[in-house]
Amino acid sequence: MPLYLTRFSYTPATWAKLVNNPEDRRTAARQYIEAVGGKMHGFWYAFGEHDAYTLYEAPDNVSMAAMAIAVSAGGALSSLQTSVLLSVEETLEALQLASSITYQPPGDGE
């Protein structure tokens, strides 16, 4: 199954709720991905551009998109970004396939 890295931030209102009632959000995050047949590999909070990161495994892009849409629709996040992660083997395969493509920058061809 494909791996997905998510980066998200909470709204100020969500942080206020968590300050008043601290809770371990890993449990909820695990339930969301399991609802689409996936698995959570990790959940981390961070300083910087995003408040938290998760590493998920999901059956396919549609399943992961469904989970991301459902979570985003809940209104607790100010942002949510998802990246599909490629293994080294997948990247090597893509590099080999890319060598068969002849690219022409705009304005350099016909």
PDB file of N, CA and C in Angstrom:
ATOM      1  N   MET A   1       0.848  -1.189   0.000  1.00  0.00           N
ATOM      2  CA  MET A   1       0.000   0.000   0.000  1.00  0.00           C
ATOM      3  C   MET A   1       0.888   1.244   0.000  1.00  0.00           C
ATOM      4  N   PRO A   2       0.436   2.289  -0.682  1.00  0.00           N
ATOM      5  CA  PRO A   2       1.194   3.533  -0.723  1.00  0.00           C
ATOM      6  C   PRO A   2       1.288   4.195   0.655  1.00  0.00           C
ATOM      7  N   LEU A   3       2.378   4.930   0.856  1.00  0.00           N
ATOM      8  CA  LEU A   3       2.578   5.709   2.075  1.00  0.00           C
ATOM      9  C   LEU A   3       2.288   7.180   1.793  1.00  0.00           C
ATOM     10  N   TYR A   4       1.765   7.868   2.806  1.00  0.00           N
ATOM     11  CA  TYR A   4       1.396   9.275   2.680  1.00  0.00           C
ATOM     12  C   TYR A   4       1.890  10.046   3.899  1.00  0.00           C
ATOM     13  N   LEU A   5       2.517  11.172   3.647  1.00  0.00           N
ATOM     14  CA  LEU A   5       2.933  12.083   4.702  1.00  0.00           C
ATOM     15  C   LEU A   5       1.950  13.242   4.727  1.00  0.00           C
ATOM     16  N   THR A   6       1.338  13.496   5.882  1.00  0.00           N
ATOM     17  CA  THR A   6       0.470  14.667   5.988  1.00  0.00           C
ATOM     18  C   THR A   6       1.129  15.691   6.904  1.00  0.00           C
ATOM     19  N   ARG A   7       0.876  16.945   6.579  1.00  0.00           N
ATOM     20  CA  ARG A   7       1.316  18.076   7.380  1.00  0.00           C
ATOM     21  C   ARG A   7       0.067  18.902   7.647  1.00  0.00           C
ATOM     22  N   PHE A   8      -0.168  19.205   8.908  1.00  0.00           N
ATOM     23  CA  PHE A   8      -1.378  19.987   9.187  1.00  0.00           C
ATOM     24  C   PHE A   8      -1.159  20.945  10.341  1.00  0.00           C
ATOM     25  N   SER A   9      -2.047  21.922  10.407  1.00  0.00           N
ATOM     26  CA  SER A   9      -2.047  22.896  11.495  1.00  0.00           C
ATOM     27  C   SER A   9      -3.458  23.032  12.034  1.00  0.00           C
ATOM     28  N   TYR A  10      -3.538  23.225  13.333  1.00  0.00           N
ATOM     29  CA  TYR A  10      -4.819  23.442  13.990  1.00  0.00           C
ATOM     30  C   TYR A  10      -5.203  24.916  13.923  1.00  0.00           C
ATOM     31  N   THR A  11      -6.479  25.202  14.010  1.00  0.00           N
ATOM     32  CA  THR A  11      -6.934  26.580  14.147  1.00  0.00           C
ATOM     33  C   THR A  11      -6.643  27.034  15.581  1.00  0.00           C
ATOM     34  N   PRO A  12      -6.604  28.347  15.825  1.00  0.00           N
ATOM     35  CA  PRO A  12      -6.431  28.816  17.209  1.00  0.00           C
ATOM     36  C   PRO A  12      -7.535  28.283  18.137  1.00  0.00           C
ATOM     37  N   ALA A  13      -8.754  28.177  17.628  1.00  0.00           N
ATOM     38  CA  ALA A  13      -9.856  27.663  18.454  1.00  0.00           C
ATOM     39  C   ALA A  13      -9.614  26.208  18.851  1.00  0.00           C
ATOM     40  N   THR A  14      -9.046  25.436  17.940  1.00  0.00           N
ATOM     41  CA  THR A  14      -8.748  24.039  18.258  1.00  0.00           C
ATOM     42  C   THR A  14      -7.667  23.951  19.328  1.00  0.00           C
ATOM     43  N   TRP A  15      -6.615  24.771  19.189  1.00  0.00           N
ATOM     44  CA  TRP A  15      -5.572  24.781  20.219  1.00  0.00           C
ATOM     45  C   TRP A  15      -6.165  25.168  21.580  1.00  0.00           C
ATOM     46  N   ALA A  16      -7.064  26.136  21.594  1.00  0.00           N
ATOM     47  CA  ALA A  16      -7.696  26.545  22.855  1.00  0.00           C
ATOM     48  C   ALA A  16      -8.465  25.383  23.476  1.00  0.00           C
ATOM     49  N   LYS A  17      -9.170  24.626  22.657  1.00  0.00           N
ATOM     50  CA  LYS A  17      -9.895  23.450  23.170  1.00  0.00           C
ATOM     51  C   LYS A  17      -8.919  22.427  23.741  1.00  0.00           C
ATOM     52  N   LEU A  18      -7.788  22.217  23.065  1.00  0.00           N
ATOM     53  CA  LEU A  18      -6.810  21.241  23.538  1.00  0.00           C
ATOM     54  C   LEU A  18      -6.119  21.713  24.821  1.00  0.00           C
ATOM     55  N   VAL A  19      -5.924  23.021  24.959  1.00  0.00           N
ATOM     56  CA  VAL A  19      -5.339  23.553  26.195  1.00  0.00           C
ATOM     57  C   VAL A  19      -6.299  23.314  27.358  1.00  0.00           C
ATOM     58  N   ASN A  20      -7.586  23.563  27.128  1.00  0.00           N
ATOM     59  CA  ASN A  20      -8.587  23.385  28.184  1.00  0.00           C
ATOM     60  C   ASN A  20      -8.877  21.924  28.478  1.00  0.00           C
ATOM     61  N   ASN A  21      -8.683  21.074  27.489  1.00  0.00           N
ATOM     62  CA  ASN A  21      -8.979  19.649  27.659  1.00  0.00           C
ATOM     63  C   ASN A  21      -7.968  18.839  26.842  1.00  0.00           C
ATOM     64  N   PRO A  22      -6.734  18.683  27.352  1.00  0.00           N
ATOM     65  CA  PRO A  22      -5.712  17.956  26.596  1.00  0.00           C
ATOM     66  C   PRO A  22      -6.165  16.536  26.257  1.00  0.00           C
ATOM     67  N   GLU A  23      -5.910  16.146  25.010  1.00  0.00           N
ATOM     68  CA  GLU A  23      -6.249  14.784  24.605  1.00  0.00           C
ATOM     69  C   GLU A  23      -5.222  14.285  23.593  1.00  0.00           C
ATOM     70  N   ASP A  24      -5.058  12.993  23.567  1.00  0.00           N
ATOM     71  CA  ASP A  24      -4.135  12.341  22.644  1.00  0.00           C
ATOM     72  C   ASP A  24      -4.867  12.150  21.313  1.00  0.00           C
ATOM     73  N   ARG A  25      -4.528  12.966  20.322  1.00  0.00           N
ATOM     74  CA  ARG A  25      -5.221  12.920  19.031  1.00  0.00           C
ATOM     75  C   ARG A  25      -4.784  11.750  18.152  1.00  0.00           C
ATOM     76  N   ARG A  26      -3.781  10.991  18.580  1.00  0.00           N
ATOM     77  CA  ARG A  26      -3.379   9.814  17.811  1.00  0.00           C
ATOM     78  C   ARG A  26      -4.517   8.805  17.693  1.00  0.00           C
ATOM     79  N   THR A  27      -5.304   8.670  18.741  1.00  0.00           N
ATOM     80  CA  THR A  27      -6.408   7.715  18.715  1.00  0.00           C
ATOM     81  C   THR A  27      -7.395   8.069  17.607  1.00  0.00           C
ATOM     82  N   ALA A  28      -7.769   9.327  17.521  1.00  0.00           N
ATOM     83  CA  ALA A  28      -8.699   9.762  16.474  1.00  0.00           C
ATOM     84  C   ALA A  28      -8.071   9.599  15.098  1.00  0.00           C
ATOM     85  N   ALA A  29      -6.809  10.005  14.960  1.00  0.00           N
ATOM     86  CA  ALA A  29      -6.130   9.902  13.664  1.00  0.00           C
ATOM     87  C   ALA A  29      -6.067   8.448  13.196  1.00  0.00           C
ATOM     88  N   ARG A  30      -5.812   7.547  14.121  1.00  0.00           N
ATOM     89  CA  ARG A  30      -5.764   6.119  13.781  1.00  0.00           C
ATOM     90  C   ARG A  30      -7.143   5.640  13.302  1.00  0.00           C
ATOM     91  N   GLN A  31      -8.195   6.065  13.968  1.00  0.00           N
ATOM     92  CA  GLN A  31      -9.558   5.660  13.584  1.00  0.00           C
ATOM     93  C   GLN A  31      -9.909   6.157  12.182  1.00  0.00           C
ATOM     94  N   TYR A  32      -9.494   7.388  11.860  1.00  0.00           N
ATOM     95  CA  TYR A  32      -9.817   7.954  10.551  1.00  0.00           C
ATOM     96  C   TYR A  32      -9.196   7.135   9.427  1.00  0.00           C
ATOM     97  N   ILE A  33      -7.918   6.776   9.549  1.00  0.00           N
ATOM     98  CA  ILE A  33      -7.264   6.041   8.468  1.00  0.00           C
ATOM     99  C   ILE A  33      -7.748   4.597   8.423  1.00  0.00           C
ATOM    100  N   GLU A  34      -8.027   4.010   9.575  1.00  0.00           N
ATOM    101  CA  GLU A  34      -8.536   2.637   9.587  1.00  0.00           C
ATOM    102  C   GLU A  34      -9.924   2.552   8.954  1.00  0.00           C
ATOM    103  N   ALA A  35     -10.689   3.641   9.001  1.00  0.00           N
ATOM    104  CA  ALA A  35     -12.026   3.662   8.394  1.00  0.00           C
ATOM    105  C   ALA A  35     -11.971   3.486   6.877  1.00  0.00           C
ATOM    106  N   VAL A  36     -10.822   3.804   6.268  1.00  0.00           N
ATOM    107  CA  VAL A  36     -10.675   3.638   4.814  1.00  0.00           C
ATOM    108  C   VAL A  36      -9.752   2.459   4.477  1.00  0.00           C
ATOM    109  N   GLY A  37      -9.486   1.604   5.472  1.00  0.00           N
ATOM    110  CA  GLY A  37      -8.676   0.418   5.225  1.00  0.00           C
ATOM    111  C   GLY A  37      -7.182   0.642   5.316  1.00  0.00           C
ATOM    112  N   GLY A  38      -6.765   1.733   5.963  1.00  0.00           N
ATOM    113  CA  GLY A  38      -5.346   2.052   6.058  1.00  0.00           C
ATOM    114  C   GLY A  38      -4.782   1.835   7.441  1.00  0.00           C
ATOM    115  N   LYS A  39      -3.559   2.322   7.629  1.00  0.00           N
ATOM    116  CA  LYS A  39      -2.835   2.146   8.887  1.00  0.00           C
ATOM    117  C   LYS A  39      -2.027   3.404   9.179  1.00  0.00           C
ATOM    118  N   MET A  40      -1.983   3.787  10.450  1.00  0.00           N
ATOM    119  CA  MET A  40      -1.153   4.917  10.855  1.00  0.00           C
ATOM    120  C   MET A  40       0.196   4.378  11.332  1.00  0.00           C
ATOM    121  N   HIS A  41       1.279   4.944  10.795  1.00  0.00           N
ATOM    122  CA  HIS A  41       2.621   4.542  11.191  1.00  0.00           C
ATOM    123  C   HIS A  41       3.252   5.512  12.187  1.00  0.00           C
ATOM    124  N   GLY A  42       2.715   6.725  12.265  1.00  0.00           N
ATOM    125  CA  GLY A  42       3.270   7.680  13.217  1.00  0.00           C
ATOM    126  C   GLY A  42       2.515   8.991  13.228  1.00  0.00           C
ATOM    127  N   PHE A  43       2.639   9.703  14.335  1.00  0.00           N
ATOM    128  CA  PHE A  43       1.986  11.000  14.536  1.00  0.00           C
ATOM    129  C   PHE A  43       2.937  11.829  15.385  1.00  0.00           C
ATOM    130  N   TRP A  44       3.315  13.005  14.902  1.00  0.00           N
ATOM    131  CA  TRP A  44       4.262  13.862  15.604  1.00  0.00           C
ATOM    132  C   TRP A  44       3.781  15.306  15.611  1.00  0.00           C
ATOM    133  N   TYR A  45       3.990  15.999  16.720  1.00  0.00           N
ATOM    134  CA  TYR A  45       3.804  17.439  16.778  1.00  0.00           C
ATOM    135  C   TYR A  45       5.153  18.094  16.490  1.00  0.00           C
ATOM    136  N   ALA A  46       5.124  19.342  16.015  1.00  0.00           N
ATOM    137  CA  ALA A  46       6.369  19.993  15.607  1.00  0.00           C
ATOM    138  C   ALA A  46       6.293  21.499  15.820  1.00  0.00           C
ATOM    139  N   PHE A  47       7.460  22.108  15.879  1.00  0.00           N
ATOM    140  CA  PHE A  47       7.564  23.560  15.807  1.00  0.00           C
ATOM    141  C   PHE A  47       7.751  23.909  14.342  1.00  0.00           C
ATOM    142  N   GLY A  48       7.302  25.081  13.928  1.00  0.00           N
ATOM    143  CA  GLY A  48       7.571  25.505  12.566  1.00  0.00           C
ATOM    144  C   GLY A  48       6.324  25.747  11.762  1.00  0.00           C
ATOM    145  N   GLU A  49       6.443  25.519  10.475  1.00  0.00           N
ATOM    146  CA  GLU A  49       5.379  25.843   9.529  1.00  0.00           C
ATOM    147  C   GLU A  49       4.095  25.060   9.787  1.00  0.00           C
ATOM    148  N   HIS A  50       4.224  23.828  10.244  1.00  0.00           N
ATOM    149  CA  HIS A  50       3.057  22.975  10.503  1.00  0.00           C
ATOM    150  C   HIS A  50       3.061  22.539  11.964  1.00  0.00           C
ATOM    151  N   ASP A  51       1.862  22.314  12.492  1.00  0.00           N
ATOM    152  CA  ASP A  51       1.738  21.895  13.890  1.00  0.00           C
ATOM    153  C   ASP A  51       2.006  20.415  14.084  1.00  0.00           C
ATOM    154  N   ALA A  52       1.702  19.600  13.069  1.00  0.00           N
ATOM    155  CA  ALA A  52       1.840  18.157  13.241  1.00  0.00           C
ATOM    156  C   ALA A  52       2.054  17.467  11.903  1.00  0.00           C
ATOM    157  N   TYR A  53       2.581  16.253  12.005  1.00  0.00           N
ATOM    158  CA  TYR A  53       2.853  15.402  10.842  1.00  0.00           C
ATOM    159  C   TYR A  53       2.343  13.998  11.147  1.00  0.00           C
ATOM    160  N   THR A  54       1.836  13.330  10.129  1.00  0.00           N
ATOM    161  CA  THR A  54       1.457  11.927  10.276  1.00  0.00           C
ATOM    162  C   THR A  54       2.028  11.136   9.108  1.00  0.00           C
ATOM    163  N   LEU A  55       2.252   9.862   9.353  1.00  0.00           N
ATOM    164  CA  LEU A  55       2.668   8.945   8.302  1.00  0.00           C
ATOM    165  C   LEU A  55       1.609   7.856   8.242  1.00  0.00           C
ATOM    166  N   TYR A  56       0.939   7.787   7.101  1.00  0.00           N
ATOM    167  CA  TYR A  56      -0.149   6.834   6.891  1.00  0.00           C
ATOM    168  C   TYR A  56       0.163   5.891   5.749  1.00  0.00           C
ATOM    169  N   GLU A  57      -0.479   4.745   5.799  1.00  0.00           N
ATOM    170  CA  GLU A  57      -0.508   3.808   4.685  1.00  0.00           C
ATOM    171  C   GLU A  57      -1.978   3.658   4.324  1.00  0.00           C
ATOM    172  N   ALA A  58      -2.309   3.776   3.041  1.00  0.00           N
ATOM    173  CA  ALA A  58      -3.700   3.667   2.605  1.00  0.00           C
ATOM    174  C   ALA A  58      -3.763   2.807   1.346  1.00  0.00           C
ATOM    175  N   PRO A  59      -4.916   2.195   1.094  1.00  0.00           N
ATOM    176  CA  PRO A  59      -5.036   1.323  -0.067  1.00  0.00           C
ATOM    177  C   PRO A  59      -4.762   2.025  -1.402  1.00  0.00           C
ATOM    178  N   ASP A  60      -5.143   3.306  -1.500  1.00  0.00           N
ATOM    179  CA  ASP A  60      -4.987   4.024  -2.763  1.00  0.00           C
ATOM    180  C   ASP A  60      -5.227   5.512  -2.528  1.00  0.00           C
ATOM    181  N   ASN A  61      -5.016   6.293  -3.585  1.00  0.00           N
ATOM    182  CA  ASN A  61      -5.177   7.753  -3.479  1.00  0.00           C
ATOM    183  C   ASN A  61      -6.604   8.149  -3.140  1.00  0.00           C
ATOM    184  N   VAL A  62      -7.582   7.449  -3.679  1.00  0.00           N
ATOM    185  CA  VAL A  62      -8.988   7.796  -3.412  1.00  0.00           C
ATOM    186  C   VAL A  62      -9.302   7.618  -1.929  1.00  0.00           C
ATOM    187  N   SER A  63      -8.829   6.525  -1.339  1.00  0.00           N
ATOM    188  CA  SER A  63      -9.066   6.282   0.087  1.00  0.00           C
ATOM    189  C   SER A  63      -8.413   7.369   0.939  1.00  0.00           C
ATOM    190  N   MET A  64      -7.181   7.719   0.597  1.00  0.00           N
ATOM    191  CA  MET A  64      -6.479   8.758   1.357  1.00  0.00           C
ATOM    192  C   MET A  64      -7.165  10.102   1.171  1.00  0.00           C
ATOM    193  N   ALA A  65      -7.589  10.405  -0.049  1.00  0.00           N
ATOM    194  CA  ALA A  65      -8.295  11.666  -0.301  1.00  0.00           C
ATOM    195  C   ALA A  65      -9.593  11.729   0.497  1.00  0.00           C
ATOM    196  N   ALA A  66     -10.310  10.620   0.569  1.00  0.00           N
ATOM    197  CA  ALA A  66     -11.564  10.585   1.328  1.00  0.00           C
ATOM    198  C   ALA A  66     -11.313  10.909   2.797  1.00  0.00           C
ATOM    199  N   MET A  67     -10.257  10.323   3.364  1.00  0.00           N
ATOM    200  CA  MET A  67      -9.934  10.601   4.754  1.00  0.00           C
ATOM    201  C   MET A  67      -9.564  12.062   4.943  1.00  0.00           C
ATOM    202  N   ALA A  68      -8.730  12.584   4.047  1.00  0.00           N
ATOM    203  CA  ALA A  68      -8.302  13.982   4.146  1.00  0.00           C
ATOM    204  C   ALA A  68      -9.481  14.936   4.005  1.00  0.00           C
ATOM    205  N   ILE A  69     -10.391  14.639   3.107  1.00  0.00           N
ATOM    206  CA  ILE A  69     -11.576  15.485   2.924  1.00  0.00           C
ATOM    207  C   ILE A  69     -12.443  15.473   4.173  1.00  0.00           C
ATOM    208  N   ALA A  70     -12.657  14.283   4.736  1.00  0.00           N
ATOM    209  CA  ALA A  70     -13.487  14.174   5.940  1.00  0.00           C
ATOM    210  C   ALA A  70     -12.876  14.953   7.104  1.00  0.00           C
ATOM    211  N   VAL A  71     -11.572  14.818   7.289  1.00  0.00           N
ATOM    212  CA  VAL A  71     -10.902  15.526   8.384  1.00  0.00           C
ATOM    213  C   VAL A  71     -10.941  17.035   8.134  1.00  0.00           C
ATOM    214  N   SER A  72     -10.654  17.466   6.922  1.00  0.00           N
ATOM    215  CA  SER A  72     -10.683  18.896   6.598  1.00  0.00           C
ATOM    216  C   SER A  72     -12.067  19.491   6.799  1.00  0.00           C
ATOM    217  N   ALA A  73     -13.087  18.723   6.452  1.00  0.00           N
ATOM    218  CA  ALA A  73     -14.465  19.211   6.582  1.00  0.00           C
ATOM    219  C   ALA A  73     -14.876  19.409   8.036  1.00  0.00           C
ATOM    220  N   GLY A  74     -14.132  18.810   8.964  1.00  0.00           N
ATOM    221  CA  GLY A  74     -14.465  18.937  10.379  1.00  0.00           C
ATOM    222  C   GLY A  74     -14.221  20.316  10.954  1.00  0.00           C
ATOM    223  N   GLY A  75     -13.406  21.132  10.287  1.00  0.00           N
ATOM    224  CA  GLY A  75     -13.211  22.515  10.700  1.00  0.00           C
ATOM    225  C   GLY A  75     -12.165  22.758  11.775  1.00  0.00           C
ATOM    226  N   ALA A  76     -11.498  21.726  12.296  1.00  0.00           N
ATOM    227  CA  ALA A  76     -10.515  21.916  13.366  1.00  0.00           C
ATOM    228  C   ALA A  76      -9.135  22.294  12.840  1.00  0.00           C
ATOM    229  N   LEU A  77      -8.923  22.135  11.531  1.00  0.00           N
ATOM    230  CA  LEU A  77      -7.613  22.401  10.954  1.00  0.00           C
ATOM    231  C   LEU A  77      -7.632  23.691  10.140  1.00  0.00           C
ATOM    232  N   SER A  78      -6.510  24.398  10.189  1.00  0.00           N
ATOM    233  CA  SER A  78      -6.382  25.581   9.333  1.00  0.00           C
ATOM    234  C   SER A  78      -5.706  25.210   8.020  1.00  0.00           C
ATOM    235  N   SER A  79      -5.001  24.074   7.991  1.00  0.00           N
ATOM    236  CA  SER A  79      -4.393  23.595   6.752  1.00  0.00           C
ATOM    237  C   SER A  79      -4.136  22.100   6.864  1.00  0.00           C
ATOM    238  N   LEU A  80      -4.165  21.430   5.714  1.00  0.00           N
ATOM    239  CA  LEU A  80      -3.840  20.011   5.626  1.00  0.00           C
ATOM    240  C   LEU A  80      -3.239  19.769   4.259  1.00  0.00           C
ATOM    241  N   GLN A  81      -2.030  19.232   4.242  1.00  0.00           N
ATOM    242  CA  GLN A  81      -1.347  18.896   2.991  1.00  0.00           C
ATOM    243  C   GLN A  81      -0.948  17.436   3.045  1.00  0.00           C
ATOM    244  N   THR A  82      -1.079  16.755   1.920  1.00  0.00           N
ATOM    245  CA  THR A  82      -0.732  15.337   1.846  1.00  0.00           C
ATOM    246  C   THR A  82       0.239  15.120   0.700  1.00  0.00           C
ATOM    247  N   SER A  83       1.297  14.367   0.968  1.00  0.00           N
ATOM    248  CA  SER A  83       2.268  13.997  -0.062  1.00  0.00           C
ATOM    249  C   SER A  83       2.312  12.487  -0.181  1.00  0.00           C
ATOM    250  N   VAL A  84       2.244  11.988  -1.404  1.00  0.00           N
ATOM    251  CA  VAL A  84       2.432  10.570  -1.651  1.00  0.00           C
ATOM    252  C   VAL A  84       3.932  10.306  -1.603  1.00  0.00           C
ATOM    253  N   LEU A  85       4.340   9.325  -0.838  1.00  0.00           N
ATOM    254  CA  LEU A  85       5.760   8.998  -0.718  1.00  0.00           C
ATOM    255  C   LEU A  85       6.107   7.835  -1.636  1.00  0.00           C
ATOM    256  N   LEU A  86       7.227   7.952  -2.321  1.00  0.00           N
ATOM    257  CA  LEU A  86       7.712   6.893  -3.200  1.00  0.00           C
ATOM    258  C   LEU A  86       8.882   6.194  -2.540  1.00  0.00           C
ATOM    259  N   SER A  87       8.928   4.870  -2.677  1.00  0.00           N
ATOM    260  CA  SER A  87      10.083   4.129  -2.176  1.00  0.00           C
ATOM    261  C   SER A  87      11.276   4.409  -3.095  1.00  0.00           C
ATOM    262  N   VAL A  88      12.459   4.042  -2.642  1.00  0.00           N
ATOM    263  CA  VAL A  88      13.647   4.191  -3.479  1.00  0.00           C
ATOM    264  C   VAL A  88      13.475   3.364  -4.756  1.00  0.00           C
ATOM    265  N   GLU A  89      12.924   2.170  -4.614  1.00  0.00           N
ATOM    266  CA  GLU A  89      12.711   1.305  -5.779  1.00  0.00           C
ATOM    267  C   GLU A  89      11.744   1.935  -6.780  1.00  0.00           C
ATOM    268  N   GLU A  90      10.658   2.535  -6.288  1.00  0.00           N
ATOM    269  CA  GLU A  90       9.716   3.205  -7.177  1.00  0.00           C
ATOM    270  C   GLU A  90      10.369   4.390  -7.879  1.00  0.00           C
ATOM    271  N   THR A  91      11.197   5.112  -7.148  1.00  0.00           N
ATOM    272  CA  THR A  91      11.889   6.256  -7.741  1.00  0.00           C
ATOM    273  C   THR A  91      12.872   5.800  -8.807  1.00  0.00           C
ATOM    274  N   LEU A  92      13.596   4.719  -8.554  1.00  0.00           N
ATOM    275  CA  LEU A  92      14.514   4.180  -9.561  1.00  0.00           C
ATOM    276  C   LEU A  92      13.756   3.747 -10.813  1.00  0.00           C
ATOM    277  N   GLU A  93      12.604   3.135 -10.624  1.00  0.00           N
ATOM    278  CA  GLU A  93      11.772   2.734 -11.761  1.00  0.00           C
ATOM    279  C   GLU A  93      11.306   3.967 -12.540  1.00  0.00           C
ATOM    280  N   ALA A  94      10.914   5.014 -11.818  1.00  0.00           N
ATOM    281  CA  ALA A  94      10.483   6.251 -12.471  1.00  0.00           C
ATOM    282  C   ALA A  94      11.640   6.901 -13.229  1.00  0.00           C
ATOM    283  N   LEU A  95      12.833   6.846 -12.660  1.00  0.00           N
ATOM    284  CA  LEU A  95      14.006   7.415 -13.340  1.00  0.00           C
ATOM    285  C   LEU A  95      14.299   6.666 -14.643  1.00  0.00           C
ATOM    286  N   GLN A  96      14.182   5.362 -14.590  1.00  0.00           N
ATOM    287  CA  GLN A  96      14.410   4.569 -15.806  1.00  0.00           C
ATOM    288  C   GLN A  96      13.363   4.899 -16.866  1.00  0.00           C
ATOM    289  N   LEU A  97      12.111   5.011 -16.456  1.00  0.00           N
ATOM    290  CA  LEU A  97      11.043   5.359 -17.396  1.00  0.00           C
ATOM    291  C   LEU A  97      11.237   6.773 -17.930  1.00  0.00           C
ATOM    292  N   ALA A  98      11.672   7.685 -17.075  1.00  0.00           N
ATOM    293  CA  ALA A  98      11.885   9.070 -17.492  1.00  0.00           C
ATOM    294  C   ALA A  98      12.942   9.176 -18.586  1.00  0.00           C
ATOM    295  N   SER A  99      13.913   8.266 -18.578  1.00  0.00           N
ATOM    296  CA  SER A  99      14.975   8.326 -19.590  1.00  0.00           C
ATOM    297  C   SER A  99      14.438   8.035 -20.993  1.00  0.00           C
ATOM    298  N   SER A 100      13.242   7.464 -21.085  1.00  0.00           N
ATOM    299  CA  SER A 100      12.651   7.170 -22.394  1.00  0.00           C
ATOM    300  C   SER A 100      11.779   8.316 -22.911  1.00  0.00           C
ATOM    301  N   ILE A 101      11.647   9.371 -22.127  1.00  0.00           N
ATOM    302  CA  ILE A 101      10.798  10.504 -22.505  1.00  0.00           C
ATOM    303  C   ILE A 101      11.691  11.625 -23.037  1.00  0.00           C
ATOM    304  N   THR A 102      11.352  12.135 -24.215  1.00  0.00           N
ATOM    305  CA  THR A 102      12.082  13.256 -24.777  1.00  0.00           C
ATOM    306  C   THR A 102      11.286  14.528 -24.470  1.00  0.00           C
ATOM    307  N   TYR A 103      11.843  15.356 -23.593  1.00  0.00           N
ATOM    308  CA  TYR A 103      11.169  16.582 -23.173  1.00  0.00           C
ATOM    309  C   TYR A 103      11.661  17.752 -24.000  1.00  0.00           C
ATOM    310  N   GLN A 104      10.723  18.596 -24.411  1.00  0.00           N
ATOM    311  CA  GLN A 104      11.056  19.851 -25.090  1.00  0.00           C
ATOM    312  C   GLN A 104      10.456  20.999 -24.298  1.00  0.00           C
ATOM    313  N   PRO A 105      11.294  21.919 -23.809  1.00  0.00           N
ATOM    314  CA  PRO A 105      10.774  23.072 -23.088  1.00  0.00           C
ATOM    315  C   PRO A 105       9.893  23.926 -24.026  1.00  0.00           C
ATOM    316  N   PRO A 106       8.944  24.654 -23.462  1.00  0.00           N
ATOM    317  CA  PRO A 106       8.110  25.529 -24.283  1.00  0.00           C
ATOM    318  C   PRO A 106       8.964  26.474 -25.113  1.00  0.00           C
ATOM    319  N   GLY A 107       8.599  26.638 -26.374  1.00  0.00           N
ATOM    320  CA  GLY A 107       9.292  27.555 -27.266  1.00  0.00           C
ATOM    321  C   GLY A 107      10.530  26.982 -27.924  1.00  0.00           C
ATOM    322  N   ASP A 108      10.929  25.738 -27.572  1.00  0.00           N
ATOM    323  CA  ASP A 108      12.123  25.130 -28.144  1.00  0.00           C
ATOM    324  C   ASP A 108      11.802  24.143 -29.255  1.00  0.00           C
ATOM    325  N   GLY A 109      10.555  24.013 -29.602  1.00  0.00           N
ATOM    326  CA  GLY A 109      10.214  22.980 -30.589  1.00  0.00           C
ATOM    327  C   GLY A 109       9.343  23.512 -31.687  1.00  0.00           C
ATOM    328  N   GLU A 110       8.456  22.698 -32.053  1.00  0.00           N
ATOM    329  CA  GLU A 110       7.585  22.957 -33.213  1.00  0.00           C
ATOM    330  C   GLU A 110       6.593  24.041 -32.963  1.00  0.00           C
TER     331      GLU A 110
END
